[in-house]
């Protein structure tokens, strides 16, 4: 989904959600996905080098990313139900 331009007070989304709220939810999901990817890379490098600390950091980053992504999904769901 492309980003919708921010126009204060205007409801551009078919569900009636203000543009800035859509962007914020997307932000959580994008950041969460990026954190998961970063964690996968760290974990892989840790496995390659035998660095247990790096592997653990990678696993922790992946979990943190999944949580942030889930938060974005919950925000999307709440906004879709008309709760803001």
N, C-alpha and C. Protein backbone atom coordinates (compact mmCIF):
# COMPACT_ATOMS: atom_id res chain seq x y z
N UNK A 1 0.85 -1.16 0.00
CA UNK A 1 0.00 0.00 0.00
C UNK A 1 0.90 1.23 0.00
N UNK A 2 0.63 2.18 -0.88
CA UNK A 2 1.39 3.41 -0.94
C UNK A 2 0.99 4.35 0.17
N UNK A 3 1.89 5.26 0.50
CA UNK A 3 1.58 6.23 1.54
C UNK A 3 0.65 7.29 0.98
N UNK A 4 -0.31 7.68 1.76
CA UNK A 4 -1.29 8.68 1.37
C UNK A 4 -0.78 10.02 1.89
N UNK A 5 -0.83 11.07 1.10
CA UNK A 5 -0.34 12.37 1.58
C UNK A 5 -1.08 12.82 2.84
N UNK A 6 -0.33 13.45 3.72
CA UNK A 6 -0.90 13.92 4.99
C UNK A 6 -1.62 15.24 4.79
N UNK A 7 -2.93 15.22 4.95
CA UNK A 7 -3.74 16.42 4.87
C UNK A 7 -4.55 16.46 6.16
N UNK A 8 -4.15 17.32 7.11
CA UNK A 8 -4.83 17.33 8.42
C UNK A 8 -6.35 17.47 8.29
N UNK A 9 -7.04 16.62 9.03
CA UNK A 9 -8.49 16.70 9.09
C UNK A 9 -9.22 16.04 7.94
N UNK A 10 -8.51 15.67 6.90
CA UNK A 10 -9.17 15.06 5.75
C UNK A 10 -9.10 13.54 5.88
N UNK A 11 -10.19 12.89 5.57
CA UNK A 11 -10.23 11.44 5.66
C UNK A 11 -10.18 10.89 4.24
N UNK A 12 -8.94 10.50 3.84
CA UNK A 12 -8.68 10.04 2.48
C UNK A 12 -8.96 8.55 2.29
N UNK A 13 -8.87 7.80 3.35
CA UNK A 13 -8.98 6.35 3.27
C UNK A 13 -10.44 5.95 3.20
N UNK A 14 -10.77 4.95 2.38
CA UNK A 14 -12.17 4.52 2.25
C UNK A 14 -12.83 4.17 3.58
N UNK A 15 -12.04 3.70 4.54
CA UNK A 15 -12.60 3.35 5.85
C UNK A 15 -12.79 4.55 6.75
N UNK A 16 -12.44 5.74 6.25
CA UNK A 16 -12.63 6.95 7.04
C UNK A 16 -11.52 7.22 8.03
N UNK A 17 -10.36 6.56 7.87
CA UNK A 17 -9.25 6.75 8.78
C UNK A 17 -8.39 7.90 8.26
N UNK A 18 -8.07 8.87 9.11
CA UNK A 18 -7.22 9.97 8.64
C UNK A 18 -5.89 9.46 8.12
N UNK A 19 -5.36 10.14 7.11
CA UNK A 19 -4.12 9.73 6.46
C UNK A 19 -2.97 9.54 7.43
N UNK A 20 -2.81 10.46 8.39
CA UNK A 20 -1.67 10.37 9.30
C UNK A 20 -1.75 9.12 10.17
N UNK A 21 -2.94 8.63 10.46
CA UNK A 21 -3.07 7.40 11.25
C UNK A 21 -2.67 6.19 10.42
N UNK A 22 -2.95 6.20 9.14
CA UNK A 22 -2.54 5.11 8.26
C UNK A 22 -1.02 5.06 8.19
N UNK A 23 -0.41 6.21 8.04
CA UNK A 23 1.05 6.28 7.96
C UNK A 23 1.68 5.78 9.25
N UNK A 24 1.11 6.12 10.41
CA UNK A 24 1.66 5.67 11.69
C UNK A 24 1.60 4.16 11.81
N UNK A 25 0.50 3.54 11.43
CA UNK A 25 0.39 2.10 11.51
C UNK A 25 1.38 1.45 10.55
N UNK A 26 1.50 2.00 9.35
CA UNK A 26 2.48 1.49 8.40
C UNK A 26 3.88 1.59 8.98
N UNK A 27 4.15 2.67 9.70
CA UNK A 27 5.46 2.89 10.29
C UNK A 27 5.81 1.73 11.24
N UNK A 28 4.88 1.34 12.10
CA UNK A 28 5.13 0.24 13.03
C UNK A 28 5.43 -1.06 12.27
N UNK A 29 4.66 -1.32 11.25
CA UNK A 29 4.85 -2.55 10.49
C UNK A 29 6.17 -2.53 9.72
N UNK A 30 6.51 -1.39 9.13
CA UNK A 30 7.77 -1.28 8.39
C UNK A 30 8.96 -1.43 9.33
N UNK A 31 8.91 -0.72 10.45
CA UNK A 31 10.00 -0.81 11.43
C UNK A 31 10.12 -2.23 11.97
N UNK A 32 8.98 -2.87 12.24
CA UNK A 32 9.00 -4.25 12.74
C UNK A 32 9.61 -5.20 11.74
N UNK A 33 9.25 -5.06 10.48
CA UNK A 33 9.80 -5.92 9.43
C UNK A 33 11.30 -5.69 9.27
N UNK A 34 11.72 -4.44 9.35
CA UNK A 34 13.14 -4.12 9.24
C UNK A 34 13.91 -4.73 10.41
N UNK A 35 13.34 -4.66 11.60
CA UNK A 35 13.99 -5.22 12.79
C UNK A 35 14.10 -6.74 12.67
N UNK A 36 13.07 -7.38 12.12
CA UNK A 36 13.12 -8.83 11.91
C UNK A 36 14.23 -9.19 10.92
N UNK A 37 14.34 -8.42 9.84
CA UNK A 37 15.37 -8.68 8.84
C UNK A 37 16.76 -8.49 9.43
N UNK A 38 16.92 -7.43 10.20
CA UNK A 38 18.20 -7.17 10.87
C UNK A 38 18.55 -8.32 11.80
N UNK A 39 17.55 -8.79 12.53
CA UNK A 39 17.77 -9.91 13.45
C UNK A 39 18.17 -11.18 12.72
N UNK A 40 17.56 -11.44 11.57
CA UNK A 40 17.91 -12.62 10.79
C UNK A 40 19.36 -12.54 10.31
N UNK A 41 19.77 -11.35 9.89
CA UNK A 41 21.15 -11.17 9.43
C UNK A 41 22.12 -11.39 10.59
N UNK A 42 21.84 -10.78 11.73
CA UNK A 42 22.70 -10.96 12.90
C UNK A 42 22.79 -12.42 13.31
N UNK A 43 21.63 -13.07 13.33
CA UNK A 43 21.61 -14.47 13.74
C UNK A 43 22.43 -15.32 12.76
N UNK A 44 22.27 -15.05 11.47
CA UNK A 44 23.04 -15.79 10.46
C UNK A 44 24.53 -15.56 10.58
N UNK A 45 24.93 -14.30 10.81
CA UNK A 45 26.35 -14.00 10.99
C UNK A 45 26.89 -14.68 12.24
N UNK A 46 26.07 -14.68 13.28
CA UNK A 46 26.48 -15.35 14.50
C UNK A 46 26.70 -16.84 14.29
N UNK A 47 25.82 -17.46 13.50
CA UNK A 47 25.98 -18.88 13.20
C UNK A 47 27.25 -19.12 12.39
N UNK A 48 27.49 -18.25 11.38
CA UNK A 48 28.68 -18.40 10.54
C UNK A 48 29.98 -18.26 11.31
N UNK A 49 29.99 -17.31 12.24
CA UNK A 49 31.22 -17.02 12.97
C UNK A 49 31.32 -17.77 14.30
N UNK A 50 30.25 -18.44 14.69
CA UNK A 50 30.25 -19.14 15.97
C UNK A 50 30.08 -18.19 17.14
N UNK A 51 29.59 -16.99 16.90
CA UNK A 51 29.42 -15.98 17.94
C UNK A 51 28.03 -16.14 18.56
N UNK A 52 28.00 -16.76 19.73
CA UNK A 52 26.73 -17.04 20.41
C UNK A 52 26.01 -15.76 20.83
N UNK A 53 26.78 -14.73 21.21
CA UNK A 53 26.17 -13.45 21.61
C UNK A 53 25.46 -12.81 20.42
N UNK A 54 26.08 -12.81 19.26
CA UNK A 54 25.47 -12.23 18.07
C UNK A 54 24.23 -13.02 17.66
N UNK A 55 24.28 -14.34 17.77
CA UNK A 55 23.10 -15.16 17.48
C UNK A 55 21.94 -14.80 18.41
N UNK A 56 22.25 -14.66 19.69
CA UNK A 56 21.21 -14.32 20.67
C UNK A 56 20.64 -12.93 20.40
N UNK A 57 21.50 -11.97 20.06
CA UNK A 57 21.02 -10.63 19.73
C UNK A 57 20.11 -10.68 18.51
N UNK A 58 20.48 -11.49 17.53
CA UNK A 58 19.66 -11.62 16.33
C UNK A 58 18.29 -12.20 16.65
N UNK A 59 18.27 -13.22 17.48
CA UNK A 59 16.97 -13.81 17.87
C UNK A 59 16.12 -12.80 18.62
N UNK A 60 16.76 -12.02 19.52
CA UNK A 60 16.03 -11.00 20.28
C UNK A 60 15.48 -9.92 19.35
N UNK A 61 16.28 -9.50 18.36
CA UNK A 61 15.82 -8.50 17.40
C UNK A 61 14.62 -9.02 16.59
N UNK A 62 14.67 -10.29 16.22
CA UNK A 62 13.55 -10.86 15.47
C UNK A 62 12.27 -10.85 16.29
N UNK A 63 12.37 -11.21 17.56
CA UNK A 63 11.20 -11.20 18.44
C UNK A 63 10.68 -9.77 18.59
N UNK A 64 11.59 -8.83 18.81
CA UNK A 64 11.19 -7.42 18.96
C UNK A 64 10.48 -6.93 17.69
N UNK A 65 11.00 -7.33 16.54
CA UNK A 65 10.38 -6.94 15.28
C UNK A 65 8.99 -7.54 15.11
N UNK A 66 8.83 -8.80 15.51
CA UNK A 66 7.52 -9.44 15.42
C UNK A 66 6.51 -8.74 16.31
N UNK A 67 6.95 -8.35 17.51
CA UNK A 67 6.05 -7.65 18.43
C UNK A 67 5.64 -6.31 17.84
N UNK A 68 6.61 -5.56 17.31
CA UNK A 68 6.29 -4.25 16.74
C UNK A 68 5.36 -4.39 15.54
N UNK A 69 5.59 -5.42 14.72
CA UNK A 69 4.73 -5.67 13.57
C UNK A 69 3.31 -6.00 14.05
N UNK A 70 3.22 -6.80 15.11
CA UNK A 70 1.90 -7.16 15.66
C UNK A 70 1.19 -5.92 16.21
N UNK A 71 1.94 -5.03 16.84
CA UNK A 71 1.34 -3.79 17.36
C UNK A 71 0.75 -2.99 16.20
N UNK A 72 1.47 -2.91 15.09
CA UNK A 72 0.94 -2.22 13.91
C UNK A 72 -0.33 -2.88 13.41
N UNK A 73 -0.38 -4.21 13.45
CA UNK A 73 -1.58 -4.92 13.02
C UNK A 73 -2.76 -4.65 13.93
N UNK A 74 -2.50 -4.59 15.24
CA UNK A 74 -3.56 -4.29 16.19
C UNK A 74 -4.09 -2.87 15.96
N UNK A 75 -3.16 -1.93 15.73
CA UNK A 75 -3.59 -0.55 15.46
C UNK A 75 -4.46 -0.51 14.20
N UNK A 76 -4.04 -1.26 13.18
CA UNK A 76 -4.82 -1.32 11.94
C UNK A 76 -6.22 -1.85 12.22
N UNK A 77 -6.31 -2.92 13.02
CA UNK A 77 -7.59 -3.53 13.34
C UNK A 77 -8.49 -2.57 14.10
N UNK A 78 -7.91 -1.89 15.10
CA UNK A 78 -8.68 -0.94 15.89
C UNK A 78 -9.18 0.22 15.05
N UNK A 79 -8.35 0.70 14.17
CA UNK A 79 -8.76 1.81 13.30
C UNK A 79 -9.83 1.35 12.31
N UNK A 80 -9.74 0.11 11.87
CA UNK A 80 -10.72 -0.43 10.95
C UNK A 80 -12.09 -0.58 11.59
N UNK A 81 -12.10 -0.75 12.92
CA UNK A 81 -13.36 -0.88 13.65
C UNK A 81 -13.94 0.47 14.05
N UNK A 82 -13.22 1.56 13.71
CA UNK A 82 -13.72 2.89 14.04
C UNK A 82 -13.23 3.41 15.37
N UNK A 83 -12.32 2.68 16.04
CA UNK A 83 -11.74 3.15 17.30
C UNK A 83 -10.45 3.89 16.97
N UNK A 84 -10.25 5.08 17.48
CA UNK A 84 -9.01 5.81 17.24
C UNK A 84 -8.42 6.28 18.53
